[in-house]
Amino acid sequence: MIGMMAGAGAAEGLAKNKWTPIVVVGGVVGVIALVYFGIYRPVMCKFGVIECADDKKIKALKVKIQRNEGFNPNFYDATKLTISHDLAKETADKLYDALYGNDDEEAVYSLLASAKNINNLSLVSKYYFQRKGVSLVDNLVGDMDSLEELTRTYDIIQYRN
C-alpha cells in the first residue's frame, strides 16, 4: 500500500512539473531518430531501396569519368599521340578482355595508366568502339559499382598532357 501511495505521489509530482511533457516528447523523438538512422536507413541503403551518400558519390564519379575527353573517340590529336595505332588496338582488345574475359580490375587500371595521356586514351577508345561495337567508357563505368574502383579509375585518367 505504501508503494502505491509513493508511486501516486511521484506521478502527481511529475504532472505538476512543466518540463515533463518536453522531456517525454524529446525522449520519444530521440528513440525514433535512433531507430531510423541507426537501423532502418542503413538496412534500406544496404539493399538499395533508398539512395545513400555513397550512391550519390558513385553517380557523380561516373559522370566525371564519362565526361573525360579521353573517352571521346574523336578527341585525339594525331600530333600528340605517343603510342602507335597497333598498340592502341592491342590495348583496346586487352581492355575488353580484362573487363569481360577475366574481370581483372588490376589489368584495367594498368592498361588505362599505360595510355599515359588523354590523346592516347582517346585513340584507344576509338579502336575499342570500332572493334567491339560498344563504348569503352560505358563498359568501364557499367562494370564498376564501388566507390573505391571508380575513385581509382578517376585518379588514373587525370593525365597530365
N, C-alpha and C. Protein backbone atom coordinates (compact mmCIF):
# COMPACT_ATOMS: atom_id res chain seq x y z
N MET A 1 0.82 -1.19 0.00
CA MET A 1 0.00 0.00 0.00
C MET A 1 0.87 1.26 0.00
N ILE A 2 1.96 1.18 0.74
CA ILE A 2 2.85 2.34 0.80
C ILE A 2 3.47 2.57 -0.58
N GLY A 3 3.80 1.48 -1.30
CA GLY A 3 4.38 1.60 -2.64
C GLY A 3 3.43 2.28 -3.61
N MET A 4 2.15 1.95 -3.53
CA MET A 4 1.16 2.58 -4.41
C MET A 4 1.04 4.05 -4.10
N MET A 5 1.07 4.39 -2.82
CA MET A 5 0.94 5.79 -2.44
C MET A 5 2.17 6.58 -2.89
N ALA A 6 3.35 5.95 -2.78
CA ALA A 6 4.58 6.62 -3.21
C ALA A 6 4.57 6.81 -4.72
N GLY A 7 4.10 5.79 -5.47
CA GLY A 7 4.02 5.89 -6.93
C GLY A 7 3.03 6.96 -7.35
N ALA A 8 1.90 7.01 -6.67
CA ALA A 8 0.89 8.02 -6.99
C ALA A 8 1.42 9.41 -6.68
N GLY A 9 2.13 9.53 -5.58
CA GLY A 9 2.72 10.83 -5.22
C GLY A 9 3.76 11.27 -6.24
N ALA A 10 4.56 10.33 -6.72
CA ALA A 10 5.58 10.65 -7.72
C ALA A 10 4.93 11.06 -9.03
N ALA A 11 3.87 10.36 -9.41
CA ALA A 11 3.16 10.70 -10.65
C ALA A 11 2.52 12.07 -10.54
N GLU A 12 1.98 12.38 -9.38
CA GLU A 12 1.36 13.69 -9.18
C GLU A 12 2.41 14.79 -9.24
N GLY A 13 3.59 14.50 -8.69
CA GLY A 13 4.68 15.47 -8.75
C GLY A 13 5.15 15.69 -10.18
N LEU A 14 5.21 14.62 -10.97
CA LEU A 14 5.62 14.75 -12.38
C LEU A 14 4.59 15.54 -13.17
N ALA A 15 3.33 15.32 -12.87
CA ALA A 15 2.27 16.02 -13.59
C ALA A 15 2.32 17.52 -13.33
N LYS A 16 2.77 17.93 -12.17
CA LYS A 16 2.87 19.34 -11.83
C LYS A 16 4.11 19.99 -12.44
N ASN A 17 5.10 19.18 -12.83
CA ASN A 17 6.35 19.71 -13.40
C ASN A 17 6.12 20.08 -14.86
N LYS A 18 6.39 21.35 -15.21
CA LYS A 18 6.13 21.80 -16.58
C LYS A 18 7.11 21.23 -17.60
N TRP A 19 8.22 20.67 -17.18
CA TRP A 19 9.22 20.13 -18.10
C TRP A 19 8.95 18.67 -18.48
N THR A 20 8.11 17.99 -17.77
CA THR A 20 7.86 16.58 -18.00
C THR A 20 7.40 16.29 -19.44
N PRO A 21 6.41 17.01 -19.99
CA PRO A 21 5.99 16.71 -21.36
C PRO A 21 7.11 16.94 -22.38
N ILE A 22 7.92 17.95 -22.15
CA ILE A 22 9.02 18.25 -23.08
C ILE A 22 10.05 17.13 -23.05
N VAL A 23 10.36 16.65 -21.86
CA VAL A 23 11.34 15.56 -21.72
C VAL A 23 10.80 14.28 -22.36
N VAL A 24 9.52 13.99 -22.14
CA VAL A 24 8.93 12.78 -22.72
C VAL A 24 8.92 12.86 -24.25
N VAL A 25 8.49 13.99 -24.80
CA VAL A 25 8.46 14.16 -26.26
C VAL A 25 9.88 14.08 -26.82
N GLY A 26 10.83 14.72 -26.15
CA GLY A 26 12.22 14.66 -26.59
C GLY A 26 12.76 13.24 -26.59
N GLY A 27 12.40 12.48 -25.56
CA GLY A 27 12.83 11.08 -25.50
C GLY A 27 12.24 10.25 -26.61
N VAL A 28 10.96 10.46 -26.90
CA VAL A 28 10.30 9.72 -27.99
C VAL A 28 10.95 10.07 -29.33
N VAL A 29 11.18 11.35 -29.57
CA VAL A 29 11.82 11.78 -30.82
C VAL A 29 13.22 11.18 -30.93
N GLY A 30 13.95 11.17 -29.82
CA GLY A 30 15.30 10.59 -29.82
C GLY A 30 15.28 9.11 -30.17
N VAL A 31 14.35 8.37 -29.61
CA VAL A 31 14.24 6.94 -29.90
C VAL A 31 13.88 6.71 -31.36
N ILE A 32 12.94 7.50 -31.89
CA ILE A 32 12.56 7.38 -33.31
C ILE A 32 13.75 7.67 -34.20
N ALA A 33 14.50 8.73 -33.90
CA ALA A 33 15.68 9.08 -34.70
C ALA A 33 16.72 7.97 -34.65
N LEU A 34 16.93 7.42 -33.46
CA LEU A 34 17.89 6.33 -33.31
C LEU A 34 17.49 5.11 -34.14
N VAL A 35 16.23 4.76 -34.11
CA VAL A 35 15.75 3.61 -34.89
C VAL A 35 15.88 3.89 -36.39
N TYR A 36 15.50 5.11 -36.82
CA TYR A 36 15.56 5.43 -38.25
C TYR A 36 17.00 5.47 -38.76
N PHE A 37 17.83 6.29 -38.11
CA PHE A 37 19.20 6.48 -38.60
C PHE A 37 20.15 5.34 -38.21
N GLY A 38 19.83 4.64 -37.16
CA GLY A 38 20.72 3.56 -36.70
C GLY A 38 20.38 2.20 -37.25
N ILE A 39 19.12 1.98 -37.61
CA ILE A 39 18.70 0.65 -38.06
C ILE A 39 18.05 0.69 -39.44
N TYR A 40 16.95 1.42 -39.56
CA TYR A 40 16.15 1.40 -40.78
C TYR A 40 16.94 1.90 -42.00
N ARG A 41 17.51 3.11 -41.91
CA ARG A 41 18.20 3.69 -43.06
C ARG A 41 19.41 2.85 -43.51
N PRO A 42 20.28 2.40 -42.59
CA PRO A 42 21.40 1.56 -43.05
C PRO A 42 20.95 0.27 -43.75
N VAL A 43 19.88 -0.33 -43.25
CA VAL A 43 19.38 -1.55 -43.88
C VAL A 43 18.82 -1.25 -45.26
N MET A 44 18.07 -0.17 -45.39
CA MET A 44 17.49 0.21 -46.69
C MET A 44 18.60 0.58 -47.69
N CYS A 45 19.65 1.22 -47.21
CA CYS A 45 20.79 1.56 -48.07
C CYS A 45 21.49 0.29 -48.55
N LYS A 46 21.67 -0.64 -47.63
CA LYS A 46 22.36 -1.89 -47.95
C LYS A 46 21.65 -2.65 -49.07
N PHE A 47 20.32 -2.64 -49.04
CA PHE A 47 19.55 -3.37 -50.04
C PHE A 47 19.18 -2.51 -51.25
N GLY A 48 19.66 -1.25 -51.29
CA GLY A 48 19.44 -0.40 -52.44
C GLY A 48 18.02 0.14 -52.57
N VAL A 49 17.26 0.11 -51.50
CA VAL A 49 15.89 0.62 -51.54
C VAL A 49 15.89 2.15 -51.57
N ILE A 50 16.81 2.76 -50.84
CA ILE A 50 16.94 4.21 -50.85
C ILE A 50 18.36 4.59 -51.25
N GLU A 51 18.53 5.78 -51.76
CA GLU A 51 19.85 6.24 -52.19
C GLU A 51 20.57 6.86 -51.00
N CYS A 52 21.81 6.47 -50.82
CA CYS A 52 22.60 6.96 -49.70
C CYS A 52 23.77 7.80 -50.19
N ALA A 53 24.56 8.30 -49.26
CA ALA A 53 25.66 9.20 -49.60
C ALA A 53 26.64 8.57 -50.59
N ASP A 54 27.02 7.31 -50.37
CA ASP A 54 27.95 6.65 -51.29
C ASP A 54 27.34 6.51 -52.68
N ASP A 55 26.04 6.27 -52.76
CA ASP A 55 25.38 6.16 -54.06
C ASP A 55 25.50 7.47 -54.83
N LYS A 56 25.35 8.57 -54.14
CA LYS A 56 25.46 9.88 -54.78
C LYS A 56 26.88 10.13 -55.26
N LYS A 57 27.86 9.75 -54.44
CA LYS A 57 29.27 9.90 -54.83
C LYS A 57 29.59 9.03 -56.04
N ILE A 58 29.05 7.82 -56.06
CA ILE A 58 29.28 6.91 -57.18
C ILE A 58 28.71 7.50 -58.46
N LYS A 59 27.49 8.01 -58.40
CA LYS A 59 26.89 8.62 -59.59
C LYS A 59 27.71 9.81 -60.08
N ALA A 60 28.16 10.65 -59.15
CA ALA A 60 28.95 11.82 -59.52
C ALA A 60 30.27 11.41 -60.18
N LEU A 61 30.93 10.40 -59.64
CA LEU A 61 32.19 9.94 -60.23
C LEU A 61 31.97 9.33 -61.61
N LYS A 62 30.90 8.58 -61.78
CA LYS A 62 30.60 8.01 -63.09
C LYS A 62 30.42 9.11 -64.13
N VAL A 63 29.74 10.18 -63.75
CA VAL A 63 29.53 11.30 -64.67
C VAL A 63 30.86 11.96 -65.00
N LYS A 64 31.71 12.18 -64.00
CA LYS A 64 33.03 12.79 -64.24
C LYS A 64 33.86 11.93 -65.19
N ILE A 65 33.83 10.63 -64.99
CA ILE A 65 34.60 9.73 -65.85
C ILE A 65 34.04 9.76 -67.27
N GLN A 66 32.72 9.72 -67.39
CA GLN A 66 32.10 9.72 -68.72
C GLN A 66 32.37 11.01 -69.47
N ARG A 67 32.55 12.10 -68.77
CA ARG A 67 32.81 13.39 -69.41
C ARG A 67 34.27 13.61 -69.75
N ASN A 68 35.14 12.71 -69.34
CA ASN A 68 36.56 12.85 -69.63
C ASN A 68 36.76 12.73 -71.14
N GLU A 69 37.44 13.69 -71.71
CA GLU A 69 37.66 13.74 -73.16
C GLU A 69 38.43 12.53 -73.68
N GLY A 70 39.18 11.88 -72.82
CA GLY A 70 39.94 10.70 -73.24
C GLY A 70 39.06 9.56 -73.72
N PHE A 71 37.81 9.56 -73.29
CA PHE A 71 36.89 8.51 -73.73
C PHE A 71 36.09 8.90 -74.96
N ASN A 72 36.35 10.09 -75.48
CA ASN A 72 35.73 10.54 -76.72
C ASN A 72 36.59 10.03 -77.87
N PRO A 73 36.07 9.12 -78.69
CA PRO A 73 36.88 8.53 -79.77
C PRO A 73 37.35 9.54 -80.82
N ASN A 74 36.75 10.71 -80.85
CA ASN A 74 37.11 11.71 -81.86
C ASN A 74 37.94 12.86 -81.30
N PHE A 75 38.36 12.77 -80.06
CA PHE A 75 39.07 13.86 -79.42
C PHE A 75 40.55 13.92 -79.79
N TYR A 76 41.18 12.80 -79.99
CA TYR A 76 42.64 12.76 -80.07
C TYR A 76 43.20 13.65 -81.18
N ASP A 77 44.38 14.16 -80.90
CA ASP A 77 45.14 14.96 -81.85
C ASP A 77 46.31 14.08 -82.29
N ALA A 78 46.35 13.74 -83.56
CA ALA A 78 47.36 12.81 -84.07
C ALA A 78 48.79 13.30 -83.81
N THR A 79 48.98 14.61 -83.71
CA THR A 79 50.33 15.14 -83.47
C THR A 79 50.77 14.95 -82.02
N LYS A 80 49.82 14.63 -81.14
CA LYS A 80 50.16 14.48 -79.73
C LYS A 80 50.14 13.02 -79.26
N LEU A 81 49.98 12.10 -80.19
CA LEU A 81 49.98 10.68 -79.84
C LEU A 81 51.39 10.22 -79.50
N THR A 82 51.49 9.38 -78.49
CA THR A 82 52.79 8.81 -78.13
C THR A 82 52.76 7.28 -78.23
N ILE A 83 51.66 6.74 -78.76
CA ILE A 83 51.58 5.30 -79.00
C ILE A 83 51.19 5.07 -80.45
N SER A 84 51.53 3.90 -80.95
CA SER A 84 51.18 3.57 -82.33
C SER A 84 49.72 3.12 -82.40
N HIS A 85 49.19 3.11 -83.61
CA HIS A 85 47.82 2.64 -83.80
C HIS A 85 47.71 1.15 -83.46
N ASP A 86 48.76 0.40 -83.77
CA ASP A 86 48.75 -1.03 -83.44
C ASP A 86 48.70 -1.24 -81.92
N LEU A 87 49.47 -0.46 -81.18
CA LEU A 87 49.45 -0.57 -79.73
C LEU A 87 48.09 -0.14 -79.17
N ALA A 88 47.49 0.87 -79.76
CA ALA A 88 46.16 1.31 -79.32
C ALA A 88 45.12 0.21 -79.55
N LYS A 89 45.21 -0.47 -80.69
CA LYS A 89 44.29 -1.59 -80.97
C LYS A 89 44.50 -2.73 -79.97
N GLU A 90 45.76 -3.03 -79.70
CA GLU A 90 46.09 -4.10 -78.76
C GLU A 90 45.59 -3.74 -77.35
N THR A 91 45.77 -2.50 -76.96
CA THR A 91 45.30 -2.04 -75.64
C THR A 91 43.78 -2.13 -75.56
N ALA A 92 43.11 -1.75 -76.64
CA ALA A 92 41.64 -1.84 -76.67
C ALA A 92 41.18 -3.29 -76.49
N ASP A 93 41.84 -4.21 -77.19
CA ASP A 93 41.48 -5.63 -77.07
C ASP A 93 41.75 -6.15 -75.64
N LYS A 94 42.88 -5.75 -75.08
CA LYS A 94 43.22 -6.18 -73.72
C LYS A 94 42.25 -5.61 -72.69
N LEU A 95 41.84 -4.37 -72.91
CA LEU A 95 40.86 -3.77 -72.00
C LEU A 95 39.55 -4.55 -72.03
N TYR A 96 39.13 -4.92 -73.23
CA TYR A 96 37.89 -5.69 -73.36
C TYR A 96 38.02 -7.04 -72.63
N ASP A 97 39.14 -7.70 -72.84
CA ASP A 97 39.37 -8.98 -72.17
C ASP A 97 39.42 -8.82 -70.65
N ALA A 98 40.06 -7.74 -70.19
CA ALA A 98 40.16 -7.51 -68.75
C ALA A 98 38.79 -7.19 -68.14
N LEU A 99 37.95 -6.50 -68.90
CA LEU A 99 36.62 -6.16 -68.39
C LEU A 99 35.66 -7.33 -68.45
N TYR A 100 35.73 -8.13 -69.51
CA TYR A 100 34.73 -9.17 -69.71
C TYR A 100 35.27 -10.59 -69.71
N GLY A 101 36.47 -10.77 -70.17
CA GLY A 101 37.01 -12.12 -70.20
C GLY A 101 37.49 -12.58 -68.83
N ASN A 102 38.33 -11.75 -68.22
CA ASN A 102 38.95 -12.14 -66.95
C ASN A 102 38.38 -11.42 -65.74
N ASP A 103 37.67 -10.32 -65.97
CA ASP A 103 37.19 -9.45 -64.89
C ASP A 103 38.37 -9.10 -63.98
N ASP A 104 39.43 -8.62 -64.60
CA ASP A 104 40.69 -8.33 -63.92
C ASP A 104 40.82 -6.82 -63.73
N GLU A 105 40.44 -6.32 -62.56
CA GLU A 105 40.46 -4.89 -62.29
C GLU A 105 41.88 -4.32 -62.35
N GLU A 106 42.83 -5.04 -61.83
CA GLU A 106 44.22 -4.56 -61.84
C GLU A 106 44.72 -4.37 -63.27
N ALA A 107 44.34 -5.27 -64.15
CA ALA A 107 44.73 -5.14 -65.56
C ALA A 107 44.08 -3.91 -66.17
N VAL A 108 42.83 -3.66 -65.84
CA VAL A 108 42.13 -2.47 -66.36
C VAL A 108 42.87 -1.21 -65.91
N TYR A 109 43.19 -1.13 -64.62
CA TYR A 109 43.90 0.05 -64.12
C TYR A 109 45.24 0.21 -64.81
N SER A 110 45.95 -0.88 -64.97
CA SER A 110 47.26 -0.85 -65.61
C SER A 110 47.16 -0.40 -67.06
N LEU A 111 46.18 -0.92 -67.77
CA LEU A 111 46.01 -0.55 -69.17
C LEU A 111 45.59 0.91 -69.33
N LEU A 112 44.73 1.38 -68.45
CA LEU A 112 44.35 2.80 -68.50
C LEU A 112 45.56 3.69 -68.22
N ALA A 113 46.37 3.29 -67.26
CA ALA A 113 47.56 4.07 -66.93
C ALA A 113 48.58 4.03 -68.06
N SER A 114 48.61 2.93 -68.79
CA SER A 114 49.59 2.80 -69.89
C SER A 114 49.30 3.75 -71.04
N ALA A 115 48.08 4.26 -71.12
CA ALA A 115 47.77 5.22 -72.18
C ALA A 115 48.59 6.50 -72.01
N LYS A 116 48.85 6.89 -70.80
CA LYS A 116 49.75 7.98 -70.42
C LYS A 116 49.28 9.39 -70.76
N ASN A 117 48.37 9.54 -71.70
CA ASN A 117 47.81 10.87 -71.93
C ASN A 117 46.42 10.76 -72.56
N ILE A 118 45.75 11.88 -72.54
CA ILE A 118 44.36 11.92 -72.97
C ILE A 118 44.20 11.60 -74.46
N ASN A 119 45.16 11.97 -75.27
CA ASN A 119 45.09 11.69 -76.71
C ASN A 119 45.24 10.20 -76.99
N ASN A 120 46.15 9.56 -76.29
CA ASN A 120 46.32 8.11 -76.45
C ASN A 120 45.06 7.37 -76.01
N LEU A 121 44.48 7.80 -74.89
CA LEU A 121 43.26 7.15 -74.40
C LEU A 121 42.11 7.34 -75.39
N SER A 122 42.05 8.49 -75.99
CA SER A 122 41.01 8.74 -76.99
C SER A 122 41.18 7.80 -78.19
N LEU A 123 42.42 7.58 -78.61
CA LEU A 123 42.67 6.65 -79.72
C LEU A 123 42.30 5.22 -79.32
N VAL A 124 42.64 4.83 -78.10
CA VAL A 124 42.26 3.51 -77.60
C VAL A 124 40.73 3.39 -77.60
N SER A 125 40.05 4.43 -77.15
CA SER A 125 38.58 4.44 -77.12
C SER A 125 38.01 4.29 -78.52
N LYS A 126 38.66 4.93 -79.48
CA LYS A 126 38.21 4.82 -80.88
C LYS A 126 38.28 3.37 -81.35
N TYR A 127 39.42 2.74 -81.12
CA TYR A 127 39.58 1.35 -81.56
C TYR A 127 38.72 0.39 -80.75
N TYR A 128 38.51 0.69 -79.49
CA TYR A 128 37.62 -0.14 -78.66
C TYR A 128 36.23 -0.16 -79.28
N PHE A 129 35.75 1.02 -79.65
CA PHE A 129 34.41 1.11 -80.25
C PHE A 129 34.37 0.43 -81.62
N GLN A 130 35.40 0.67 -82.43
CA GLN A 130 35.43 0.07 -83.77
C GLN A 130 35.49 -1.45 -83.71
N ARG A 131 36.26 -1.99 -82.80
CA ARG A 131 36.48 -3.43 -82.75
C ARG A 131 35.42 -4.19 -81.95
N LYS A 132 34.84 -3.53 -80.94
CA LYS A 132 33.89 -4.22 -80.06
C LYS A 132 32.45 -3.75 -80.24
N GLY A 133 32.27 -2.60 -80.89
CA GLY A 133 30.92 -2.10 -81.16
C GLY A 133 30.24 -1.47 -79.97
N VAL A 134 30.99 -1.24 -78.91
CA VAL A 134 30.45 -0.59 -77.71
C VAL A 134 31.45 0.44 -77.21
N SER A 135 30.96 1.38 -76.46
CA SER A 135 31.81 2.44 -75.92
C SER A 135 32.66 1.92 -74.76
N LEU A 136 33.92 2.28 -74.76
CA LEU A 136 34.82 1.89 -73.67
C LEU A 136 34.33 2.45 -72.34
N VAL A 137 33.98 3.72 -72.32
CA VAL A 137 33.58 4.34 -71.06
C VAL A 137 32.28 3.75 -70.53
N ASP A 138 31.35 3.42 -71.41
CA ASP A 138 30.10 2.80 -70.95
C ASP A 138 30.37 1.43 -70.35
N ASN A 139 31.23 0.65 -71.00
CA ASN A 139 31.59 -0.65 -70.43
C ASN A 139 32.34 -0.50 -69.12
N LEU A 140 33.20 0.48 -69.06
CA LEU A 140 34.02 0.68 -67.88
C LEU A 140 33.18 1.08 -66.68
N VAL A 141 32.39 2.12 -66.80
CA VAL A 141 31.60 2.58 -65.64
C VAL A 141 30.43 1.65 -65.36
N GLY A 142 29.96 0.96 -66.39
CA GLY A 142 28.88 0.00 -66.17
C GLY A 142 29.35 -1.20 -65.37
N ASP A 143 30.62 -1.52 -65.50
CA ASP A 143 31.19 -2.67 -64.80
C ASP A 143 31.60 -2.33 -63.37
N MET A 144 31.84 -1.06 -63.10
CA MET A 144 32.33 -0.65 -61.78
C MET A 144 31.18 -0.13 -60.95
N ASP A 145 31.06 -0.68 -59.75
CA ASP A 145 29.95 -0.26 -58.90
C ASP A 145 30.37 0.15 -57.50
N SER A 146 31.66 0.15 -57.23
CA SER A 146 32.10 0.55 -55.89
C SER A 146 32.80 1.90 -55.97
N LEU A 147 32.71 2.64 -54.90
CA LEU A 147 33.33 3.95 -54.81
C LEU A 147 34.84 3.84 -54.97
N GLU A 148 35.43 2.80 -54.43
CA GLU A 148 36.88 2.62 -54.50
C GLU A 148 37.34 2.40 -55.94
N GLU A 149 36.64 1.55 -56.67
CA GLU A 149 37.00 1.28 -58.07
C GLU A 149 36.90 2.56 -58.92
N LEU A 150 35.81 3.28 -58.74
CA LEU A 150 35.60 4.48 -59.53
C LEU A 150 36.59 5.58 -59.17
N THR A 151 36.90 5.71 -57.90
CA THR A 151 37.88 6.71 -57.46
C THR A 151 39.25 6.41 -58.05
N ARG A 152 39.62 5.15 -58.01
CA ARG A 152 40.93 4.77 -58.56
C ARG A 152 40.97 5.01 -60.06
N THR A 153 39.91 4.67 -60.76
CA THR A 153 39.84 4.90 -62.20
C THR A 153 39.93 6.39 -62.50
N TYR A 154 39.17 7.18 -61.77
CA TYR A 154 39.17 8.63 -61.98
C TYR A 154 40.56 9.20 -61.75
N ASP A 155 41.23 8.75 -60.70
CA ASP A 155 42.58 9.23 -60.41
C ASP A 155 43.55 8.86 -61.53
N ILE A 156 43.40 7.69 -62.10
CA ILE A 156 44.30 7.24 -63.16
C ILE A 156 44.13 8.07 -64.42
N ILE A 157 42.90 8.40 -64.79
CA ILE A 157 42.67 9.08 -66.07
C ILE A 157 42.85 10.59 -65.99
N GLN A 158 43.35 11.08 -64.87
CA GLN A 158 43.67 12.50 -64.76
C GLN A 158 45.09 12.72 -65.28
N TYR A 159 45.26 12.44 -66.56
CA TYR A 159 46.58 12.55 -67.20
C TYR A 159 47.04 13.98 -67.24
N ARG A 160 48.33 14.11 -67.20
CA ARG A 160 48.95 15.43 -67.42
C ARG A 160 49.47 15.44 -68.84
N ASN A 161 49.00 16.38 -69.61
CA ASN A 161 49.44 16.47 -71.02
C ASN A 161 50.64 17.37 -71.14
